[in-house]
Each structure stands twice: as C-alpha cells, then as structure tokens.
C-alpha cells in the first residue's frame, strides 16, 4: 500500500453504524479503514463530479441543490446495482 496517497480523516458515526462497520470489516477480514476507503471511493467521486457541475463562486439554490442531489442518488443507485450484479456473478450472494 502506497501511504503517500492516503490521508488520515477523523469523523463521528452513530454507535450502531460503527458497530455495523466493525462487524462487516471483521467478517470481510479487512481493516475498518480499508472497508471505508473501498466503500466510499466511487460514491464520493460521483458526488464530487456532480458538485463540479456548479461553479464554486455561485451559491446553490434550493432547486439546483435538489437536482444535484437527485443526480447523485441516481448515480449511487446505479453503482449499487452494478456492485450487486458483480457479487451475484461471482456467487457472493445466496
């Protein structure tokens, strides 16, 4: 792992989410950091791409923010569908 490309980030999760994260990471035999990094990589890239569609020097109006949020949600649903299909093809899901 090339640590030059990594950045330490601290955030707070609801206790239940943290416990679920621990459980999933343990079952997958990966660190929580690896799990979070892998899970967030593509969705955050999608969100950043949508946000780049709006000039930074212009505040978002409510309608525009809603349009971007809707677009992000559609992209994330597509991402989840693709991941689920890949898992199904690998035989990961029962």
PDB file of N, CA and C in Angstrom:
ATOM      1  N   UNK A   1       0.845  -1.179   0.000  1.00  0.00           N
ATOM      2  CA  UNK A   1       0.000   0.000   0.000  1.00  0.00           C
ATOM      3  C   UNK A   1       0.887   1.237   0.000  1.00  0.00           C
ATOM      4  N   UNK A   2       0.615   2.162  -0.904  1.00  0.00           N
ATOM      5  CA  UNK A   2       1.375   3.404  -1.004  1.00  0.00           C
ATOM      6  C   UNK A   2       0.755   4.446  -0.077  1.00  0.00           C
ATOM      7  N   UNK A   3       1.372   4.643   1.085  1.00  0.00           N
ATOM      8  CA  UNK A   3       0.794   5.557   2.073  1.00  0.00           C
ATOM      9  C   UNK A   3       0.927   7.016   1.669  1.00  0.00           C
ATOM     10  N   UNK A   4       1.723   7.314   0.624  1.00  0.00           N
ATOM     11  CA  UNK A   4       1.820   8.695   0.143  1.00  0.00           C
ATOM     12  C   UNK A   4       0.487   9.182  -0.411  1.00  0.00           C
ATOM     13  N   UNK A   5      -0.373   8.267  -0.818  1.00  0.00           N
ATOM     14  CA  UNK A   5      -1.672   8.626  -1.403  1.00  0.00           C
ATOM     15  C   UNK A   5      -2.795   8.612  -0.382  1.00  0.00           C
ATOM     16  N   UNK A   6      -2.474   8.325   0.873  1.00  0.00           N
ATOM     17  CA  UNK A   6      -3.506   8.234   1.902  1.00  0.00           C
ATOM     18  C   UNK A   6      -3.496   9.468   2.778  1.00  0.00           C
ATOM     19  N   UNK A   7      -4.653   9.799   3.337  1.00  0.00           N
ATOM     20  CA  UNK A   7      -4.784  10.916   4.273  1.00  0.00           C
ATOM     21  C   UNK A   7      -5.606  10.440   5.456  1.00  0.00           C
ATOM     22  N   UNK A   8      -5.174  10.810   6.640  1.00  0.00           N
ATOM     23  CA  UNK A   8      -5.913  10.443   7.858  1.00  0.00           C
ATOM     24  C   UNK A   8      -7.120  11.372   7.991  1.00  0.00           C
ATOM     25  N   UNK A   9      -8.272  10.766   8.256  1.00  0.00           N
ATOM     26  CA  UNK A   9      -9.511  11.505   8.420  1.00  0.00           C
ATOM     27  C   UNK A   9     -10.211  11.009   9.675  1.00  0.00           C
ATOM     28  N   UNK A  10     -10.743  11.931  10.453  1.00  0.00           N
ATOM     29  CA  UNK A  10     -11.473  11.571  11.657  1.00  0.00           C
ATOM     30  C   UNK A  10     -12.910  12.048  11.509  1.00  0.00           C
ATOM     31  N   UNK A  11     -13.856  11.173  11.831  1.00  0.00           N
ATOM     32  CA  UNK A  11     -15.263  11.560  11.791  1.00  0.00           C
ATOM     33  C   UNK A  11     -16.028  10.764  12.829  1.00  0.00           C
ATOM     34  N   UNK A  12     -17.222  11.214  13.126  1.00  0.00           N
ATOM     35  CA  UNK A  12     -18.053  10.592  14.148  1.00  0.00           C
ATOM     36  C   UNK A  12     -19.214   9.882  13.471  1.00  0.00           C
ATOM     37  N   UNK A  13     -19.451   8.653  13.901  1.00  0.00           N
ATOM     38  CA  UNK A  13     -20.575   7.864  13.397  1.00  0.00           C
ATOM     39  C   UNK A  13     -21.530   7.565  14.531  1.00  0.00           C
ATOM     40  N   UNK A  14     -22.768   7.298  14.180  1.00  0.00           N
ATOM     41  CA  UNK A  14     -23.694   6.798  15.191  1.00  0.00           C
ATOM     42  C   UNK A  14     -23.147   5.466  15.686  1.00  0.00           C
ATOM     43  N   UNK A  15     -23.359   5.173  16.956  1.00  0.00           N
ATOM     44  CA  UNK A  15     -22.815   3.950  17.554  1.00  0.00           C
ATOM     45  C   UNK A  15     -23.236   2.706  16.758  1.00  0.00           C
ATOM     46  N   UNK A  16     -24.496   2.638  16.361  1.00  0.00           N
ATOM     47  CA  UNK A  16     -24.982   1.486  15.614  1.00  0.00           C
ATOM     48  C   UNK A  16     -24.221   1.326  14.294  1.00  0.00           C
ATOM     49  N   UNK A  17     -23.993   2.434  13.594  1.00  0.00           N
ATOM     50  CA  UNK A  17     -23.247   2.382  12.337  1.00  0.00           C
ATOM     51  C   UNK A  17     -21.817   1.917  12.584  1.00  0.00           C
ATOM     52  N   UNK A  18     -21.203   2.402  13.656  1.00  0.00           N
ATOM     53  CA  UNK A  18     -19.846   1.992  13.993  1.00  0.00           C
ATOM     54  C   UNK A  18     -19.785   0.495  14.293  1.00  0.00           C
ATOM     55  N   UNK A  19     -20.756   0.006  15.025  1.00  0.00           N
ATOM     56  CA  UNK A  19     -20.798  -1.427  15.344  1.00  0.00           C
ATOM     57  C   UNK A  19     -21.000  -2.259  14.083  1.00  0.00           C
ATOM     58  N   UNK A  20     -21.842  -1.786  13.186  1.00  0.00           N
ATOM     59  CA  UNK A  20     -22.067  -2.493  11.930  1.00  0.00           C
ATOM     60  C   UNK A  20     -20.805  -2.477  11.068  1.00  0.00           C
ATOM     61  N   UNK A  21     -20.114  -1.347  11.060  1.00  0.00           N
ATOM     62  CA  UNK A  21     -18.852  -1.237  10.334  1.00  0.00           C
ATOM     63  C   UNK A  21     -17.830  -2.235  10.885  1.00  0.00           C
ATOM     64  N   UNK A  22     -17.730  -2.312  12.210  1.00  0.00           N
ATOM     65  CA  UNK A  22     -16.833  -3.288  12.846  1.00  0.00           C
ATOM     66  C   UNK A  22     -17.178  -4.709  12.406  1.00  0.00           C
ATOM     67  N   UNK A  23     -18.470  -5.022  12.448  1.00  0.00           N
ATOM     68  CA  UNK A  23     -18.931  -6.364  12.098  1.00  0.00           C
ATOM     69  C   UNK A  23     -18.577  -6.710  10.650  1.00  0.00           C
ATOM     70  N   UNK A  24     -18.904  -5.809   9.730  1.00  0.00           N
ATOM     71  CA  UNK A  24     -18.650  -6.073   8.310  1.00  0.00           C
ATOM     72  C   UNK A  24     -17.151  -6.205   8.049  1.00  0.00           C
ATOM     73  N   UNK A  25     -16.361  -5.305   8.616  1.00  0.00           N
ATOM     74  CA  UNK A  25     -14.906  -5.364   8.420  1.00  0.00           C
ATOM     75  C   UNK A  25     -14.346  -6.677   8.961  1.00  0.00           C
ATOM     76  N   UNK A  26     -14.798  -7.077  10.127  1.00  0.00           N
ATOM     77  CA  UNK A  26     -14.328  -8.331  10.730  1.00  0.00           C
ATOM     78  C   UNK A  26     -14.702  -9.521   9.851  1.00  0.00           C
ATOM     79  N   UNK A  27     -15.950  -9.532   9.356  1.00  0.00           N
ATOM     80  CA  UNK A  27     -16.397 -10.637   8.501  1.00  0.00           C
ATOM     81  C   UNK A  27     -15.632 -10.674   7.180  1.00  0.00           C
ATOM     82  N   UNK A  28     -15.279  -9.507   6.667  1.00  0.00           N
ATOM     83  CA  UNK A  28     -14.543  -9.436   5.403  1.00  0.00           C
ATOM     84  C   UNK A  28     -13.041  -9.586   5.608  1.00  0.00           C
ATOM     85  N   UNK A  29     -12.627  -9.613   6.876  1.00  0.00           N
ATOM     86  CA  UNK A  29     -11.217  -9.740   7.241  1.00  0.00           C
ATOM     87  C   UNK A  29     -10.371  -8.615   6.647  1.00  0.00           C
ATOM     88  N   UNK A  30     -10.895  -7.394   6.800  1.00  0.00           N
ATOM     89  CA  UNK A  30     -10.173  -6.188   6.390  1.00  0.00           C
ATOM     90  C   UNK A  30     -10.268  -5.185   7.532  1.00  0.00           C
ATOM     91  N   UNK A  31      -9.410  -4.184   7.487  1.00  0.00           N
ATOM     92  CA  UNK A  31      -9.497  -3.132   8.500  1.00  0.00           C
ATOM     93  C   UNK A  31     -10.708  -2.249   8.210  1.00  0.00           C
ATOM     94  N   UNK A  32     -11.149  -1.549   9.241  1.00  0.00           N
ATOM     95  CA  UNK A  32     -12.254  -0.591   9.033  1.00  0.00           C
ATOM     96  C   UNK A  32     -11.840   0.473   8.027  1.00  0.00           C
ATOM     97  N   UNK A  33     -10.585   0.913   8.104  1.00  0.00           N
ATOM     98  CA  UNK A  33     -10.096   1.928   7.159  1.00  0.00           C
ATOM     99  C   UNK A  33     -10.184   1.437   5.723  1.00  0.00           C
ATOM    100  N   UNK A  34      -9.764   0.202   5.504  1.00  0.00           N
ATOM    101  CA  UNK A  34      -9.826  -0.361   4.148  1.00  0.00           C
ATOM    102  C   UNK A  34     -11.266  -0.460   3.676  1.00  0.00           C
ATOM    103  N   UNK A  35     -12.141  -0.913   4.542  1.00  0.00           N
ATOM    104  CA  UNK A  35     -13.551  -1.040   4.183  1.00  0.00           C
ATOM    105  C   UNK A  35     -14.148   0.314   3.811  1.00  0.00           C
ATOM    106  N   UNK A  36     -13.934   1.311   4.674  1.00  0.00           N
ATOM    107  CA  UNK A  36     -14.486   2.643   4.412  1.00  0.00           C
ATOM    108  C   UNK A  36     -13.893   3.215   3.122  1.00  0.00           C
ATOM    109  N   UNK A  37     -12.588   3.066   2.951  1.00  0.00           N
ATOM    110  CA  UNK A  37     -11.924   3.586   1.750  1.00  0.00           C
ATOM    111  C   UNK A  37     -12.526   2.947   0.499  1.00  0.00           C
ATOM    112  N   UNK A  38     -12.702   1.623   0.518  1.00  0.00           N
ATOM    113  CA  UNK A  38     -13.239   0.933  -0.653  1.00  0.00           C
ATOM    114  C   UNK A  38     -14.704   1.263  -0.908  1.00  0.00           C
ATOM    115  N   UNK A  39     -15.476   1.376   0.167  1.00  0.00           N
ATOM    116  CA  UNK A  39     -16.907   1.651   0.024  1.00  0.00           C
ATOM    117  C   UNK A  39     -17.159   3.083  -0.454  1.00  0.00           C
ATOM    118  N   UNK A  40     -16.361   4.026   0.016  1.00  0.00           N
ATOM    119  CA  UNK A  40     -16.613   5.428  -0.302  1.00  0.00           C
ATOM    120  C   UNK A  40     -15.989   5.907  -1.609  1.00  0.00           C
ATOM    121  N   UNK A  41     -14.987   5.210  -2.111  1.00  0.00           N
ATOM    122  CA  UNK A  41     -14.226   5.698  -3.261  1.00  0.00           C
ATOM    123  C   UNK A  41     -15.118   6.152  -4.418  1.00  0.00           C
ATOM    124  N   UNK A  42     -15.916   5.273  -4.964  1.00  0.00           N
ATOM    125  CA  UNK A  42     -16.712   5.628  -6.140  1.00  0.00           C
ATOM    126  C   UNK A  42     -17.878   6.567  -5.814  1.00  0.00           C
ATOM    127  N   UNK A  43     -18.647   6.339  -4.745  1.00  0.00           N
ATOM    128  CA  UNK A  43     -19.743   7.271  -4.460  1.00  0.00           C
ATOM    129  C   UNK A  43     -19.261   8.711  -4.217  1.00  0.00           C
ATOM    130  N   UNK A  44     -18.151   8.876  -3.520  1.00  0.00           N
ATOM    131  CA  UNK A  44     -17.651  10.233  -3.271  1.00  0.00           C
ATOM    132  C   UNK A  44     -17.170  10.853  -4.584  1.00  0.00           C
ATOM    133  N   UNK A  45     -16.543  10.055  -5.449  1.00  0.00           N
ATOM    134  CA  UNK A  45     -16.128  10.568  -6.759  1.00  0.00           C
ATOM    135  C   UNK A  45     -17.343  11.013  -7.571  1.00  0.00           C
ATOM    136  N   UNK A  46     -18.434  10.240  -7.500  1.00  0.00           N
ATOM    137  CA  UNK A  46     -19.661  10.631  -8.201  1.00  0.00           C
ATOM    138  C   UNK A  46     -20.207  11.947  -7.650  1.00  0.00           C
ATOM    139  N   UNK A  47     -20.239  12.072  -6.322  1.00  0.00           N
ATOM    140  CA  UNK A  47     -20.745  13.305  -5.711  1.00  0.00           C
ATOM    141  C   UNK A  47     -19.875  14.497  -6.088  1.00  0.00           C
ATOM    142  N   UNK A  48     -18.554  14.316  -6.063  1.00  0.00           N
ATOM    143  CA  UNK A  48     -17.646  15.412  -6.422  1.00  0.00           C
ATOM    144  C   UNK A  48     -17.862  15.830  -7.872  1.00  0.00           C
ATOM    145  N   UNK A  49     -18.071  14.855  -8.744  1.00  0.00           N
ATOM    146  CA  UNK A  49     -18.335  15.175 -10.150  1.00  0.00           C
ATOM    147  C   UNK A  49     -19.598  16.004 -10.316  1.00  0.00           C
ATOM    148  N   UNK A  50     -20.632  15.624  -9.595  1.00  0.00           N
ATOM    149  CA  UNK A  50     -21.869  16.406  -9.667  1.00  0.00           C
ATOM    150  C   UNK A  50     -21.650  17.813  -9.116  1.00  0.00           C
ATOM    151  N   UNK A  51     -20.951  17.915  -8.013  1.00  0.00           N
ATOM    152  CA  UNK A  51     -20.726  19.240  -7.419  1.00  0.00           C
ATOM    153  C   UNK A  51     -19.871  20.120  -8.328  1.00  0.00           C
ATOM    154  N   UNK A  52     -18.965  19.517  -9.100  1.00  0.00           N
ATOM    155  CA  UNK A  52     -18.136  20.298 -10.031  1.00  0.00           C
ATOM    156  C   UNK A  52     -18.964  20.880 -11.171  1.00  0.00           C
ATOM    157  N   UNK A  53     -20.186  20.398 -11.343  1.00  0.00           N
ATOM    158  CA  UNK A  53     -21.037  20.927 -12.409  1.00  0.00           C
ATOM    159  C   UNK A  53     -21.568  22.319 -12.075  1.00  0.00           C
ATOM    160  N   UNK A  54     -21.343  22.760 -10.845  1.00  0.00           N
ATOM    161  CA  UNK A  54     -21.808  24.075 -10.405  1.00  0.00           C
ATOM    162  C   UNK A  54     -20.586  24.925 -10.067  1.00  0.00           C
ATOM    163  N   UNK A  55     -20.464  26.112 -10.658  1.00  0.00           N
ATOM    164  CA  UNK A  55     -19.321  26.976 -10.334  1.00  0.00           C
ATOM    165  C   UNK A  55     -19.233  27.231  -8.832  1.00  0.00           C
ATOM    166  N   UNK A  56     -18.020  27.171  -8.293  1.00  0.00           N
ATOM    167  CA  UNK A  56     -17.835  27.316  -6.845  1.00  0.00           C
ATOM    168  C   UNK A  56     -18.133  28.723  -6.344  1.00  0.00           C
ATOM    169  N   UNK A  57     -18.050  29.715  -7.224  1.00  0.00           N
ATOM    170  CA  UNK A  57     -18.281  31.090  -6.777  1.00  0.00           C
ATOM    171  C   UNK A  57     -19.765  31.465  -6.789  1.00  0.00           C
ATOM    172  N   UNK A  58     -20.618  30.491  -7.080  1.00  0.00           N
ATOM    173  CA  UNK A  58     -22.059  30.740  -7.113  1.00  0.00           C
ATOM    174  C   UNK A  58     -22.749  29.827  -6.117  1.00  0.00           C
ATOM    175  N   UNK A  59     -23.461  30.395  -5.157  1.00  0.00           N
ATOM    176  CA  UNK A  59     -24.182  29.557  -4.183  1.00  0.00           C
ATOM    177  C   UNK A  59     -25.247  28.715  -4.886  1.00  0.00           C
ATOM    178  N   UNK A  60     -25.486  27.551  -4.340  1.00  0.00           N
ATOM    179  CA  UNK A  60     -26.523  26.691  -4.894  1.00  0.00           C
ATOM    180  C   UNK A  60     -27.888  27.143  -4.416  1.00  0.00           C
ATOM    181  N   UNK A  61     -28.813  27.259  -5.342  1.00  0.00           N
ATOM    182  CA  UNK A  61     -30.196  27.490  -4.960  1.00  0.00           C
ATOM    183  C   UNK A  61     -30.834  26.170  -4.561  1.00  0.00           C
ATOM    184  N   UNK A  62     -31.978  26.223  -3.926  1.00  0.00           N
ATOM    185  CA  UNK A  62     -32.651  25.011  -3.445  1.00  0.00           C
ATOM    186  C   UNK A  62     -32.975  24.063  -4.591  1.00  0.00           C
ATOM    187  N   UNK A  63     -33.467  24.593  -5.725  1.00  0.00           N
ATOM    188  CA  UNK A  63     -33.816  23.734  -6.856  1.00  0.00           C
ATOM    189  C   UNK A  63     -32.583  23.067  -7.448  1.00  0.00           C
ATOM    190  N   UNK A  64     -31.517  23.829  -7.564  1.00  0.00           N
ATOM    191  CA  UNK A  64     -30.290  23.274  -8.132  1.00  0.00           C
ATOM    192  C   UNK A  64     -29.678  22.230  -7.196  1.00  0.00           C
ATOM    193  N   UNK A  65     -29.694  22.507  -5.919  1.00  0.00           N
ATOM    194  CA  UNK A  65     -29.183  21.537  -4.945  1.00  0.00           C
ATOM    195  C   UNK A  65     -30.000  20.253  -5.013  1.00  0.00           C
ATOM    196  N   UNK A  66     -31.314  20.382  -5.167  1.00  0.00           N
ATOM    197  CA  UNK A  66     -32.187  19.207  -5.278  1.00  0.00           C
ATOM    198  C   UNK A  66     -31.868  18.426  -6.545  1.00  0.00           C
ATOM    199  N   UNK A  67     -31.626  19.122  -7.657  1.00  0.00           N
ATOM    200  CA  UNK A  67     -31.290  18.454  -8.919  1.00  0.00           C
ATOM    201  C   UNK A  67     -29.982  17.686  -8.781  1.00  0.00           C
ATOM    202  N   UNK A  68     -29.006  18.295  -8.152  1.00  0.00           N
ATOM    203  CA  UNK A  68     -27.718  17.627  -7.956  1.00  0.00           C
ATOM    204  C   UNK A  68     -27.885  16.432  -7.033  1.00  0.00           C
ATOM    205  N   UNK A  69     -28.638  16.612  -5.950  1.00  0.00           N
ATOM    206  CA  UNK A  69     -28.882  15.512  -5.019  1.00  0.00           C
ATOM    207  C   UNK A  69     -29.587  14.364  -5.723  1.00  0.00           C
ATOM    208  N   UNK A  70     -30.584  14.680  -6.548  1.00  0.00           N
ATOM    209  CA  UNK A  70     -31.289  13.637  -7.302  1.00  0.00           C
ATOM    210  C   UNK A  70     -30.334  12.907  -8.239  1.00  0.00           C
ATOM    211  N   UNK A  71     -29.466  13.646  -8.897  1.00  0.00           N
ATOM    212  CA  UNK A  71     -28.485  13.039  -9.794  1.00  0.00           C
ATOM    213  C   UNK A  71     -27.517  12.148  -9.050  1.00  0.00           C
ATOM    214  N   UNK A  72     -27.056  12.603  -7.907  1.00  0.00           N
ATOM    215  CA  UNK A  72     -26.153  11.795  -7.081  1.00  0.00           C
ATOM    216  C   UNK A  72     -26.847  10.512  -6.664  1.00  0.00           C
ATOM    217  N   UNK A  73     -28.099  10.611  -6.227  1.00  0.00           N
ATOM    218  CA  UNK A  73     -28.830   9.421  -5.794  1.00  0.00           C
ATOM    219  C   UNK A  73     -28.997   8.427  -6.939  1.00  0.00           C
ATOM    220  N   UNK A  74     -29.298   8.922  -8.144  1.00  0.00           N
ATOM    221  CA  UNK A  74     -29.426   8.031  -9.297  1.00  0.00           C
ATOM    222  C   UNK A  74     -28.100   7.353  -9.602  1.00  0.00           C
ATOM    223  N   UNK A  75     -27.003   8.112  -9.557  1.00  0.00           N
ATOM    224  CA  UNK A  75     -25.682   7.527  -9.794  1.00  0.00           C
ATOM    225  C   UNK A  75     -25.349   6.489  -8.740  1.00  0.00           C
ATOM    226  N   UNK A  76     -25.692   6.767  -7.477  1.00  0.00           N
ATOM    227  CA  UNK A  76     -25.401   5.816  -6.410  1.00  0.00           C
ATOM    228  C   UNK A  76     -26.243   4.555  -6.546  1.00  0.00           C
ATOM    229  N   UNK A  77     -27.496   4.691  -6.941  1.00  0.00           N
ATOM    230  CA  UNK A  77     -28.343   3.514  -7.162  1.00  0.00           C
ATOM    231  C   UNK A  77     -27.748   2.667  -8.286  1.00  0.00           C
ATOM    232  N   UNK A  78     -27.302   3.316  -9.349  1.00  0.00           N
ATOM    233  CA  UNK A  78     -26.667   2.591 -10.447  1.00  0.00           C
ATOM    234  C   UNK A  78     -25.405   1.884  -9.959  1.00  0.00           C
ATOM    235  N   UNK A  79     -24.595   2.566  -9.156  1.00  0.00           N
ATOM    236  CA  UNK A  79     -23.373   1.979  -8.597  1.00  0.00           C
ATOM    237  C   UNK A  79     -23.715   0.744  -7.752  1.00  0.00           C
ATOM    238  N   UNK A  80     -24.697   0.870  -6.878  1.00  0.00           N
ATOM    239  CA  UNK A  80     -25.083  -0.255  -6.017  1.00  0.00           C
ATOM    240  C   UNK A  80     -25.605  -1.411  -6.861  1.00  0.00           C
ATOM    241  N   UNK A  81     -26.394  -1.109  -7.877  1.00  0.00           N
ATOM    242  CA  UNK A  81     -26.900  -2.161  -8.763  1.00  0.00           C
ATOM    243  C   UNK A  81     -25.754  -2.898  -9.445  1.00  0.00           C
ATOM    244  N   UNK A  82     -24.747  -2.145  -9.913  1.00  0.00           N
ATOM    245  CA  UNK A  82     -23.598  -2.775 -10.570  1.00  0.00           C
ATOM    246  C   UNK A  82     -22.806  -3.639  -9.594  1.00  0.00           C
ATOM    247  N   UNK A  83     -22.641  -3.153  -8.362  1.00  0.00           N
ATOM    248  CA  UNK A  83     -21.913  -3.934  -7.356  1.00  0.00           C
ATOM    249  C   UNK A  83     -22.677  -5.203  -7.002  1.00  0.00           C
ATOM    250  N   UNK A  84     -23.985  -5.092  -6.878  1.00  0.00           N
ATOM    251  CA  UNK A  84     -24.814  -6.260  -6.556  1.00  0.00           C
ATOM    252  C   UNK A  84     -24.752  -7.291  -7.682  1.00  0.00           C
ATOM    253  N   UNK A  85     -24.806  -6.824  -8.908  1.00  0.00           N
ATOM    254  CA  UNK A  85     -24.728  -7.734 -10.050  1.00  0.00           C
ATOM    255  C   UNK A  85     -23.360  -8.408 -10.106  1.00  0.00           C
ATOM    256  N   UNK A  86     -22.294  -7.669  -9.848  1.00  0.00           N
ATOM    257  CA  UNK A  86     -20.950  -8.254  -9.838  1.00  0.00           C
ATOM    258  C   UNK A  86     -20.840  -9.321  -8.748  1.00  0.00           C
ATOM    259  N   UNK A  87     -21.397  -9.037  -7.577  1.00  0.00           N
ATOM    260  CA  UNK A  87     -21.368 -10.011  -6.480  1.00  0.00           C
ATOM    261  C   UNK A  87     -22.174 -11.253  -6.857  1.00  0.00           C
ATOM    262  N   UNK A  88     -23.312 -11.051  -7.505  1.00  0.00           N
ATOM    263  CA  UNK A  88     -24.145 -12.177  -7.920  1.00  0.00           C
ATOM    264  C   UNK A  88     -23.384 -13.048  -8.919  1.00  0.00           C
ATOM    265  N   UNK A  89     -22.713 -12.427  -9.868  1.00  0.00           N
ATOM    266  CA  UNK A  89     -21.970 -13.179 -10.873  1.00  0.00           C
ATOM    267  C   UNK A  89     -20.790 -13.934 -10.262  1.00  0.00           C
ATOM    268  N   UNK A  90     -20.208 -13.361  -9.193  1.00  0.00           N
ATOM    269  CA  UNK A  90     -19.110 -14.033  -8.502  1.00  0.00           C
ATOM    270  C   UNK A  90     -19.637 -15.131  -7.584  1.00  0.00           C
ATOM    271  N   UNK A  91     -20.934 -15.105  -7.308  1.00  0.00           N
ATOM    272  CA  UNK A  91     -21.517 -16.077  -6.395  1.00  0.00           C
ATOM    273  C   UNK A  91     -21.416 -15.669  -4.953  1.00  0.00           C
ATOM    274  N   UNK A  92     -21.222 -14.341  -4.694  1.00  0.00           N
ATOM    275  CA  UNK A  92     -21.081 -13.842  -3.323  1.00  0.00           C
ATOM    276  C   UNK A  92     -22.408 -13.836  -2.570  1.00  0.00           C
ATOM    277  N   UNK A  93     -23.500 -13.700  -3.272  1.00  0.00           N
ATOM    278  CA  UNK A  93     -24.786 -13.616  -2.569  1.00  0.00           C
ATOM    279  C   UNK A  93     -25.518 -14.951  -2.708  1.00  0.00           C
ATOM    280  N   UNK A  94     -26.289 -15.256  -1.709  1.00  0.00           N
ATOM    281  CA  UNK A  94     -27.017 -16.524  -1.694  1.00  0.00           C
ATOM    282  C   UNK A  94     -28.471 -16.291  -2.038  1.00  0.00           C
TER     283      UNK A  94
END
